[in-house]
Amino acid sequence: MYNARLFDGESVKDALNGISYPVLIIDGENMPVWANRKFLSLHRMSRAELGRDRLVLDRIMLAFALDRYSVDNLSGMRYFQLVRSMILLHGQKYILISFIELSKARRQQSELQVKQVMFEQLSERLPEGIVLAEETIHYSNPVFEKIVGYSGAALKSRRLGDLMDAEGQLLYQQSIKKLLLKRRSKVESVLILKNRNGQLVSVRIKTSLLMSEDSRLFLNIVTDITDEQFELESLRKLAYFDALTNIYNRRKFNELLVI
């Protein structure tokens, strides 16, 4: 609910021009009416341009849904919390939007949230499975969820190793150890995962280490190679087994004799 304030029109504009943060006044149809000098300077626009720049106003309206507003100006990216209140000017009701700049810690959190959203949007368009994990899974894209048959919410409470047998867990842990010891920047493993229905799925996992100041995450790119493995096995069978009797052919017997 808005807080009603009653001001004389010109005196409130003078007061708002003197405060240290940007403010914008819009009418009931979300059209800009007036902005103080801080707002105009932040957006590098003149007062005459205020009513014509619909893009800025659309971004501000969207910011209320996202709970953040950012502007990339000459000093770099700046982040704001938007606060709305009702104001009465000459007996008419208007909406006053105040732009409160966020602290450095909150800015870093906002930047991280934006990057996470971008990462998830990109991951959802990739043909490979994507898993971001530390001790447990932090994020999985729809392709990986389809491979293992679990929802993203169900996977967040699990470790990636929980989907492997004992041998697979050992191989995966050896890959992680190579990354932590910085012997490799990226490691690749061919493992067997067990999906929700108990079926075995052959996968190729490429793992990279992502480091930050206070945490480490492992980026896993997962490719379902079950069909590829089946084709390889079919080719091996054609090479070494007789098609009619399904026993070793001459080529395989010759190799065994050499051994």
C-alpha atoms as a PDB file:
ATOM      1  CA  MET A   1       0.000   0.000   0.000  1.00  0.00           C
ATOM      2  CA  TYR A   2       1.284   3.451  -0.900  1.00  0.00           C
ATOM      3  CA  ASN A   3       1.966   6.140   1.686  1.00  0.00           C
ATOM      4  CA  ALA A   4       0.100   9.359   0.864  1.00  0.00           C
ATOM      5  CA  ARG A   5       2.047  12.603   1.005  1.00  0.00           C
ATOM      6  CA  LEU A   6       0.657  16.049   0.307  1.00  0.00           C
ATOM      7  CA  PHE A   7       3.076  18.578  -1.203  1.00  0.00           C
ATOM      8  CA  ASP A   8       2.871  21.786  -3.151  1.00  0.00           C
ATOM      9  CA  GLY A   9       3.953  20.948  -6.702  1.00  0.00           C
ATOM     10  CA  GLU A  10       6.973  23.245  -7.094  1.00  0.00           C
ATOM     11  CA  SER A  11       8.241  22.870  -3.549  1.00  0.00           C
ATOM     12  CA  VAL A  12       8.305  19.083  -3.795  1.00  0.00           C
ATOM     13  CA  LYS A  13      10.213  19.244  -7.080  1.00  0.00           C
ATOM     14  CA  ASP A  14      12.785  21.529  -5.480  1.00  0.00           C
ATOM     15  CA  ALA A  15      13.081  19.128  -2.551  1.00  0.00           C
ATOM     16  CA  LEU A  16      13.433  16.087  -4.796  1.00  0.00           C
ATOM     17  CA  ASN A  17      16.120  17.807  -6.870  1.00  0.00           C
ATOM     18  CA  GLY A  18      18.138  18.259  -3.695  1.00  0.00           C
ATOM     19  CA  ILE A  19      18.167  14.635  -2.516  1.00  0.00           C
ATOM     20  CA  SER A  20      21.089  12.277  -3.151  1.00  0.00           C
ATOM     21  CA  TYR A  21      19.285   9.504  -5.067  1.00  0.00           C
ATOM     22  CA  PRO A  22      17.306   9.349  -8.338  1.00  0.00           C
ATOM     23  CA  VAL A  23      13.517   9.680  -8.272  1.00  0.00           C
ATOM     24  CA  LEU A  24      10.864   9.444 -10.975  1.00  0.00           C
ATOM     25  CA  ILE A  25       7.215  10.519 -10.870  1.00  0.00           C
ATOM     26  CA  ILE A  26       4.708   8.659 -13.076  1.00  0.00           C
ATOM     27  CA  ASP A  27       0.960   8.980 -13.482  1.00  0.00           C
ATOM     28  CA  GLY A  28      -1.764   6.351 -13.114  1.00  0.00           C
ATOM     29  CA  GLU A  29      -1.113   5.104 -16.660  1.00  0.00           C
ATOM     30  CA  ASN A  30       2.584   4.537 -15.912  1.00  0.00           C
ATOM     31  CA  MET A  31       3.647   7.505 -18.040  1.00  0.00           C
ATOM     32  CA  PRO A  32       6.592   9.611 -16.772  1.00  0.00           C
ATOM     33  CA  VAL A  33       5.645  13.056 -15.481  1.00  0.00           C
ATOM     34  CA  TRP A  34       8.837  14.350 -13.903  1.00  0.00           C
ATOM     35  CA  ALA A  35      12.289  13.177 -12.740  1.00  0.00           C
ATOM     36  CA  ASN A  36      14.969  14.813 -10.636  1.00  0.00           C
ATOM     37  CA  ARG A  37      18.450  15.683 -11.837  1.00  0.00           C
ATOM     38  CA  LYS A  38      19.951  12.496 -10.371  1.00  0.00           C
ATOM     39  CA  PHE A  39      17.594  10.354 -12.464  1.00  0.00           C
ATOM     40  CA  LEU A  40      18.298  12.299 -15.655  1.00  0.00           C
ATOM     41  CA  SER A  41      22.041  12.135 -15.062  1.00  0.00           C
ATOM     42  CA  LEU A  42      21.919   8.399 -14.319  1.00  0.00           C
ATOM     43  CA  HIS A  43      20.130   7.682 -17.603  1.00  0.00           C
ATOM     44  CA  ARG A  44      22.010  10.371 -19.558  1.00  0.00           C
ATOM     45  CA  MET A  45      18.851  11.986 -20.850  1.00  0.00           C
ATOM     46  CA  SER A  46      17.320  15.445 -20.913  1.00  0.00           C
ATOM     47  CA  ARG A  47      14.017  16.341 -19.309  1.00  0.00           C
ATOM     48  CA  ALA A  48      12.519  16.711 -22.805  1.00  0.00           C
ATOM     49  CA  GLU A  49      13.513  13.107 -23.611  1.00  0.00           C
ATOM     50  CA  LEU A  50      11.905  11.724 -20.456  1.00  0.00           C
ATOM     51  CA  GLY A  51       8.416  11.248 -21.881  1.00  0.00           C
ATOM     52  CA  ARG A  52       9.664   9.870 -25.195  1.00  0.00           C
ATOM     53  CA  ASP A  53      11.979   7.117 -23.898  1.00  0.00           C
ATOM     54  CA  ARG A  54       9.498   4.303 -23.392  1.00  0.00           C
ATOM     55  CA  LEU A  55      12.297   1.704 -23.189  1.00  0.00           C
ATOM     56  CA  VAL A  56      13.597   3.091 -19.886  1.00  0.00           C
ATOM     57  CA  LEU A  57      10.110   3.078 -18.366  1.00  0.00           C
ATOM     58  CA  ASP A  58       9.457  -0.494 -19.546  1.00  0.00           C
ATOM     59  CA  ARG A  59      12.699  -1.602 -17.856  1.00  0.00           C
ATOM     60  CA  ILE A  60      11.650   0.122 -14.646  1.00  0.00           C
ATOM     61  CA  MET A  61       8.273  -1.634 -14.662  1.00  0.00           C
ATOM     62  CA  LEU A  62      10.016  -4.966 -15.266  1.00  0.00           C
ATOM     63  CA  ALA A  63      12.389  -4.225 -12.380  1.00  0.00           C
ATOM     64  CA  PHE A  64       9.507  -4.352  -9.904  1.00  0.00           C
ATOM     65  CA  ALA A  65       8.875  -7.969 -10.919  1.00  0.00           C
ATOM     66  CA  LEU A  66      12.583  -8.871 -10.738  1.00  0.00           C
ATOM     67  CA  ASP A  67      13.194  -6.934  -7.500  1.00  0.00           C
ATOM     68  CA  ARG A  68      16.208  -5.176  -8.982  1.00  0.00           C
ATOM     69  CA  TYR A  69      17.118  -2.469 -11.464  1.00  0.00           C
ATOM     70  CA  SER A  70      20.497  -1.987 -13.113  1.00  0.00           C
ATOM     71  CA  VAL A  71      22.010   0.759 -15.240  1.00  0.00           C
ATOM     72  CA  ASP A  72      25.252   0.515 -17.179  1.00  0.00           C
ATOM     73  CA  ASN A  73      26.668   4.038 -17.296  1.00  0.00           C
ATOM     74  CA  LEU A  74      30.140   5.606 -17.513  1.00  0.00           C
ATOM     75  CA  SER A  75      31.053   4.535 -13.960  1.00  0.00           C
ATOM     76  CA  GLY A  76      30.147   0.885 -14.623  1.00  0.00           C
ATOM     77  CA  MET A  77      27.160  -1.248 -13.713  1.00  0.00           C
ATOM     78  CA  ARG A  78      25.055   0.152 -10.855  1.00  0.00           C
ATOM     79  CA  TYR A  79      22.216  -1.661  -9.076  1.00  0.00           C
ATOM     80  CA  PHE A  80      19.168  -0.179  -7.372  1.00  0.00           C
ATOM     81  CA  GLN A  81      16.268  -1.245  -5.197  1.00  0.00           C
ATOM     82  CA  LEU A  82      13.055   0.481  -6.314  1.00  0.00           C
ATOM     83  CA  VAL A  83      10.638   1.886  -3.730  1.00  0.00           C
ATOM     84  CA  ARG A  84       7.148   3.128  -4.696  1.00  0.00           C
ATOM     85  CA  SER A  85       4.993   5.586  -2.784  1.00  0.00           C
ATOM     86  CA  MET A  86       1.982   7.742  -3.604  1.00  0.00           C
ATOM     87  CA  ILE A  87       2.339  11.498  -3.878  1.00  0.00           C
ATOM     88  CA  LEU A  88      -0.280  14.231  -4.310  1.00  0.00           C
ATOM     89  CA  LEU A  89       0.607  17.122  -6.623  1.00  0.00           C
ATOM     90  CA  HIS A  90      -1.971  19.865  -7.159  1.00  0.00           C
ATOM     91  CA  GLY A  91      -4.653  17.494  -5.879  1.00  0.00           C
ATOM     92  CA  GLN A  92      -3.742  14.732  -8.335  1.00  0.00           C
ATOM     93  CA  LYS A  93      -2.392  11.329  -7.345  1.00  0.00           C
ATOM     94  CA  TYR A  94       0.969  10.266  -8.792  1.00  0.00           C
ATOM     95  CA  ILE A  95       3.453   7.498  -8.065  1.00  0.00           C
ATOM     96  CA  LEU A  96       6.909   8.423  -6.786  1.00  0.00           C
ATOM     97  CA  ILE A  97       9.626   5.851  -7.565  1.00  0.00           C
ATOM     98  CA  SER A  98      12.820   6.148  -5.522  1.00  0.00           C
ATOM     99  CA  PHE A  99      16.027   4.431  -6.725  1.00  0.00           C
ATOM    100  CA  ILE A 100      18.026   3.298  -3.687  1.00  0.00           C
ATOM    101  CA  GLU A 101      21.516   2.153  -4.674  1.00  0.00           C
ATOM    102  CA  LEU A 102      22.512  -1.252  -3.334  1.00  0.00           C
ATOM    103  CA  SER A 103      25.618  -1.984  -1.297  1.00  0.00           C
ATOM    104  CA  LYS A 104      28.671  -3.673  -2.834  1.00  0.00           C
ATOM    105  CA  ALA A 105      27.727  -7.028  -1.291  1.00  0.00           C
ATOM    106  CA  ARG A 106      24.180  -6.773  -2.635  1.00  0.00           C
ATOM    107  CA  ARG A 107      25.517  -5.727  -6.061  1.00  0.00           C
ATOM    108  CA  GLN A 108      27.745  -8.787  -6.150  1.00  0.00           C
ATOM    109  CA  GLN A 109      24.772 -10.939  -5.183  1.00  0.00           C
ATOM    110  CA  SER A 110      22.675  -9.344  -7.927  1.00  0.00           C
ATOM    111  CA  GLU A 111      25.441  -9.889 -10.487  1.00  0.00           C
ATOM    112  CA  LEU A 112      25.677 -13.521  -9.431  1.00  0.00           C
ATOM    113  CA  GLN A 113      21.918 -13.951  -9.752  1.00  0.00           C
ATOM    114  CA  VAL A 114      21.974 -12.422 -13.245  1.00  0.00           C
ATOM    115  CA  LYS A 115      24.838 -14.699 -14.304  1.00  0.00           C
ATOM    116  CA  GLN A 116      23.035 -17.714 -12.853  1.00  0.00           C
ATOM    117  CA  VAL A 117      19.883 -16.874 -14.819  1.00  0.00           C
ATOM    118  CA  MET A 118      21.947 -16.431 -18.014  1.00  0.00           C
ATOM    119  CA  PHE A 119      23.739 -19.734 -17.356  1.00  0.00           C
ATOM    120  CA  GLU A 120      20.463 -21.593 -16.804  1.00  0.00           C
ATOM    121  CA  GLN A 121      18.864 -20.056 -19.895  1.00  0.00           C
ATOM    122  CA  LEU A 122      21.871 -21.069 -21.999  1.00  0.00           C
ATOM    123  CA  SER A 123      21.992 -24.560 -20.467  1.00  0.00           C
ATOM    124  CA  GLU A 124      18.351 -25.191 -21.288  1.00  0.00           C
ATOM    125  CA  ARG A 125      19.124 -24.673 -24.988  1.00  0.00           C
ATOM    126  CA  LEU A 126      22.087 -27.067 -25.142  1.00  0.00           C
ATOM    127  CA  PRO A 127      21.764 -30.615 -26.527  1.00  0.00           C
ATOM    128  CA  GLU A 128      23.974 -32.040 -23.731  1.00  0.00           C
ATOM    129  CA  GLY A 129      23.101 -32.586 -20.106  1.00  0.00           C
ATOM    130  CA  ILE A 130      24.484 -29.961 -17.726  1.00  0.00           C
ATOM    131  CA  VAL A 131      25.081 -30.546 -14.012  1.00  0.00           C
ATOM    132  CA  LEU A 132      26.528 -27.955 -11.634  1.00  0.00           C
ATOM    133  CA  ALA A 133      27.562 -29.616  -8.384  1.00  0.00           C
ATOM    134  CA  GLU A 134      29.572 -29.196  -5.209  1.00  0.00           C
ATOM    135  CA  GLU A 135      28.863 -31.855  -2.563  1.00  0.00           C
ATOM    136  CA  THR A 136      25.328 -32.127  -3.930  1.00  0.00           C
ATOM    137  CA  ILE A 137      23.803 -31.073  -7.238  1.00  0.00           C
ATOM    138  CA  HIS A 138      23.045 -27.335  -7.418  1.00  0.00           C
ATOM    139  CA  TYR A 139      21.567 -27.237 -10.904  1.00  0.00           C
ATOM    140  CA  SER A 140      20.670 -29.633 -13.705  1.00  0.00           C
ATOM    141  CA  ASN A 141      19.226 -28.800 -17.100  1.00  0.00           C
ATOM    142  CA  PRO A 142      16.218 -30.563 -18.721  1.00  0.00           C
ATOM    143  CA  VAL A 143      18.430 -32.783 -20.922  1.00  0.00           C
ATOM    144  CA  PHE A 144      20.195 -34.327 -17.917  1.00  0.00           C
ATOM    145  CA  GLU A 145      16.886 -34.680 -16.078  1.00  0.00           C
ATOM    146  CA  LYS A 146      15.547 -36.611 -19.068  1.00  0.00           C
ATOM    147  CA  ILE A 147      18.628 -38.883 -19.102  1.00  0.00           C
ATOM    148  CA  VAL A 148      18.238 -39.918 -15.450  1.00  0.00           C
ATOM    149  CA  GLY A 149      14.457 -39.569 -15.150  1.00  0.00           C
ATOM    150  CA  TYR A 150      14.535 -37.280 -12.089  1.00  0.00           C
ATOM    151  CA  SER A 151      13.229 -33.733 -11.769  1.00  0.00           C
ATOM    152  CA  GLY A 152      15.567 -30.862 -10.994  1.00  0.00           C
ATOM    153  CA  ALA A 153      14.059 -30.531  -7.516  1.00  0.00           C
ATOM    154  CA  ALA A 154      14.702 -34.221  -6.749  1.00  0.00           C
ATOM    155  CA  LEU A 155      18.297 -34.042  -7.996  1.00  0.00           C
ATOM    156  CA  LYS A 156      19.181 -31.063  -5.775  1.00  0.00           C
ATOM    157  CA  SER A 157      19.159 -33.284  -2.709  1.00  0.00           C
ATOM    158  CA  ARG A 158      21.465 -35.872  -4.281  1.00  0.00           C
ATOM    159  CA  ARG A 159      25.098 -36.298  -5.232  1.00  0.00           C
ATOM    160  CA  LEU A 160      26.027 -37.078  -8.809  1.00  0.00           C
ATOM    161  CA  GLY A 161      27.827 -40.166  -7.500  1.00  0.00           C
ATOM    162  CA  ASP A 162      24.521 -41.506  -6.123  1.00  0.00           C
ATOM    163  CA  LEU A 163      23.531 -42.285  -9.712  1.00  0.00           C
ATOM    164  CA  MET A 164      26.684 -44.400 -10.297  1.00  0.00           C
ATOM    165  CA  ASP A 165      27.760 -47.863  -9.191  1.00  0.00           C
ATOM    166  CA  ALA A 166      30.829 -48.306  -6.946  1.00  0.00           C
ATOM    167  CA  GLU A 167      33.225 -48.543  -9.886  1.00  0.00           C
ATOM    168  CA  GLY A 168      31.757 -45.417 -11.483  1.00  0.00           C
ATOM    169  CA  GLN A 169      32.018 -43.476  -8.238  1.00  0.00           C
ATOM    170  CA  LEU A 170      35.699 -44.410  -7.969  1.00  0.00           C
ATOM    171  CA  LEU A 171      36.422 -43.318 -11.552  1.00  0.00           C
ATOM    172  CA  TYR A 172      34.562 -40.041 -11.061  1.00  0.00           C
ATOM    173  CA  GLN A 173      36.377 -39.314  -7.775  1.00  0.00           C
ATOM    174  CA  GLN A 174      39.710 -39.920  -9.526  1.00  0.00           C
ATOM    175  CA  SER A 175      38.698 -37.361 -12.155  1.00  0.00           C
ATOM    176  CA  ILE A 176      37.777 -34.834  -9.444  1.00  0.00           C
ATOM    177  CA  LYS A 177      41.129 -35.434  -7.731  1.00  0.00           C
ATOM    178  CA  LYS A 178      42.993 -34.611 -10.955  1.00  0.00           C
ATOM    179  CA  LEU A 179      41.098 -31.331 -11.197  1.00  0.00           C
ATOM    180  CA  LEU A 180      41.764 -30.382  -7.568  1.00  0.00           C
ATOM    181  CA  LEU A 181      45.465 -31.160  -7.921  1.00  0.00           C
ATOM    182  CA  LYS A 182      45.416 -29.057 -11.106  1.00  0.00           C
ATOM    183  CA  ARG A 183      46.831 -31.849 -13.185  1.00  0.00           C
ATOM    184  CA  ARG A 184      44.099 -31.180 -15.728  1.00  0.00           C
ATOM    185  CA  SER A 185      41.845 -28.223 -16.555  1.00  0.00           C
ATOM    186  CA  LYS A 186      39.155 -30.627 -17.785  1.00  0.00           C
ATOM    187  CA  VAL A 187      38.724 -34.385 -17.424  1.00  0.00           C
ATOM    188  CA  GLU A 188      36.589 -36.841 -19.351  1.00  0.00           C
ATOM    189  CA  SER A 189      35.060 -40.091 -18.111  1.00  0.00           C
ATOM    190  CA  VAL A 190      32.856 -42.770 -19.649  1.00  0.00           C
ATOM    191  CA  LEU A 191      30.534 -44.054 -16.936  1.00  0.00           C
ATOM    192  CA  ILE A 192      27.289 -45.908 -16.371  1.00  0.00           C
ATOM    193  CA  LEU A 193      24.400 -44.089 -14.667  1.00  0.00           C
ATOM    194  CA  LYS A 194      21.297 -45.777 -13.306  1.00  0.00           C
ATOM    195  CA  ASN A 195      18.122 -43.871 -14.139  1.00  0.00           C
ATOM    196  CA  ARG A 196      14.955 -43.669 -12.045  1.00  0.00           C
ATOM    197  CA  ASN A 197      13.538 -46.818 -13.668  1.00  0.00           C
ATOM    198  CA  GLY A 198      16.665 -48.823 -12.852  1.00  0.00           C
ATOM    199  CA  GLN A 199      17.889 -48.831 -16.454  1.00  0.00           C
ATOM    200  CA  LEU A 200      21.616 -48.402 -17.132  1.00  0.00           C
ATOM    201  CA  VAL A 201      22.643 -45.446 -19.289  1.00  0.00           C
ATOM    202  CA  SER A 202      26.126 -45.067 -20.780  1.00  0.00           C
ATOM    203  CA  VAL A 203      27.321 -41.456 -20.561  1.00  0.00           C
ATOM    204  CA  ARG A 204      30.398 -39.424 -21.338  1.00  0.00           C
ATOM    205  CA  ILE A 205      31.057 -36.798 -18.642  1.00  0.00           C
ATOM    206  CA  LYS A 206      33.386 -33.834 -19.195  1.00  0.00           C
ATOM    207  CA  THR A 207      34.130 -32.159 -15.868  1.00  0.00           C
ATOM    208  CA  SER A 208      35.655 -28.727 -15.219  1.00  0.00           C
ATOM    209  CA  LEU A 209      36.375 -26.905 -11.965  1.00  0.00           C
ATOM    210  CA  LEU A 210      34.801 -23.491 -11.376  1.00  0.00           C
ATOM    211  CA  MET A 211      36.382 -21.535  -8.509  1.00  0.00           C
ATOM    212  CA  SER A 212      35.210 -18.451  -6.624  1.00  0.00           C
ATOM    213  CA  GLU A 213      36.506 -16.718  -3.495  1.00  0.00           C
ATOM    214  CA  ASP A 214      34.574 -18.903  -1.067  1.00  0.00           C
ATOM    215  CA  SER A 215      33.439 -21.974  -2.986  1.00  0.00           C
ATOM    216  CA  ARG A 216      34.206 -24.412  -5.755  1.00  0.00           C
ATOM    217  CA  LEU A 217      31.770 -25.937  -8.186  1.00  0.00           C
ATOM    218  CA  PHE A 218      32.145 -28.690 -10.742  1.00  0.00           C
ATOM    219  CA  LEU A 219      30.627 -28.197 -14.177  1.00  0.00           C
ATOM    220  CA  ASN A 220      29.685 -31.538 -15.718  1.00  0.00           C
ATOM    221  CA  ILE A 221      28.712 -31.816 -19.375  1.00  0.00           C
ATOM    222  CA  VAL A 222      26.906 -35.136 -19.794  1.00  0.00           C
ATOM    223  CA  THR A 223      26.279 -36.856 -23.130  1.00  0.00           C
ATOM    224  CA  ASP A 224      24.124 -39.972 -23.462  1.00  0.00           C
ATOM    225  CA  ILE A 225      26.218 -42.437 -25.491  1.00  0.00           C
ATOM    226  CA  THR A 226      24.019 -45.497 -24.967  1.00  0.00           C
ATOM    227  CA  ASP A 227      23.173 -45.733 -28.683  1.00  0.00           C
ATOM    228  CA  GLU A 228      26.804 -45.068 -29.601  1.00  0.00           C
ATOM    229  CA  GLN A 229      27.989 -47.866 -27.290  1.00  0.00           C
ATOM    230  CA  PHE A 230      25.340 -50.210 -28.706  1.00  0.00           C
ATOM    231  CA  GLU A 231      26.539 -49.495 -32.267  1.00  0.00           C
ATOM    232  CA  LEU A 232      30.168 -50.073 -31.253  1.00  0.00           C
ATOM    233  CA  GLU A 233      29.237 -53.374 -29.652  1.00  0.00           C
ATOM    234  CA  SER A 234      27.283 -54.378 -32.794  1.00  0.00           C
ATOM    235  CA  LEU A 235      30.322 -53.594 -34.970  1.00  0.00           C
ATOM    236  CA  ARG A 236      32.590 -55.573 -32.649  1.00  0.00           C
ATOM    237  CA  LYS A 237      30.208 -58.503 -32.846  1.00  0.00           C
ATOM    238  CA  LEU A 238      30.134 -58.357 -36.638  1.00  0.00           C
ATOM    239  CA  ALA A 239      33.927 -58.291 -36.693  1.00  0.00           C
ATOM    240  CA  TYR A 240      34.480 -61.316 -34.444  1.00  0.00           C
ATOM    241  CA  PHE A 241      31.341 -63.490 -34.550  1.00  0.00           C
ATOM    242  CA  ASP A 242      29.808 -65.558 -37.327  1.00  0.00           C
ATOM    243  CA  ALA A 243      26.382 -64.152 -38.262  1.00  0.00           C
ATOM    244  CA  LEU A 244      24.761 -67.597 -38.649  1.00  0.00           C
ATOM    245  CA  THR A 245      26.239 -69.587 -35.752  1.00  0.00           C
ATOM    246  CA  ASN A 246      26.985 -66.672 -33.396  1.00  0.00           C
ATOM    247  CA  ILE A 247      30.370 -68.219 -32.508  1.00  0.00           C
ATOM    248  CA  TYR A 248      33.868 -66.847 -33.052  1.00  0.00           C
ATOM    249  CA  ASN A 249      34.752 -66.411 -36.733  1.00  0.00           C
ATOM    250  CA  ARG A 250      38.081 -67.170 -38.411  1.00  0.00           C
ATOM    251  CA  ARG A 251      39.477 -63.698 -37.635  1.00  0.00           C
ATOM    252  CA  LYS A 252      38.849 -64.097 -33.900  1.00  0.00           C
ATOM    253  CA  PHE A 253      40.307 -67.651 -33.869  1.00  0.00           C
ATOM    254  CA  ASN A 254      43.460 -66.382 -35.635  1.00  0.00           C
ATOM    255  CA  GLU A 255      43.872 -63.641 -33.025  1.00  0.00           C
ATOM    256  CA  LEU A 256      43.431 -66.162 -30.209  1.00  0.00           C
ATOM    257  CA  LEU A 257      46.029 -68.470 -31.781  1.00  0.00           C
ATOM    258  CA  VAL A 258      48.534 -65.589 -31.977  1.00  0.00           C
ATOM    259  CA  ILE A 259      47.969 -64.835 -28.278  1.00  0.00           C
END
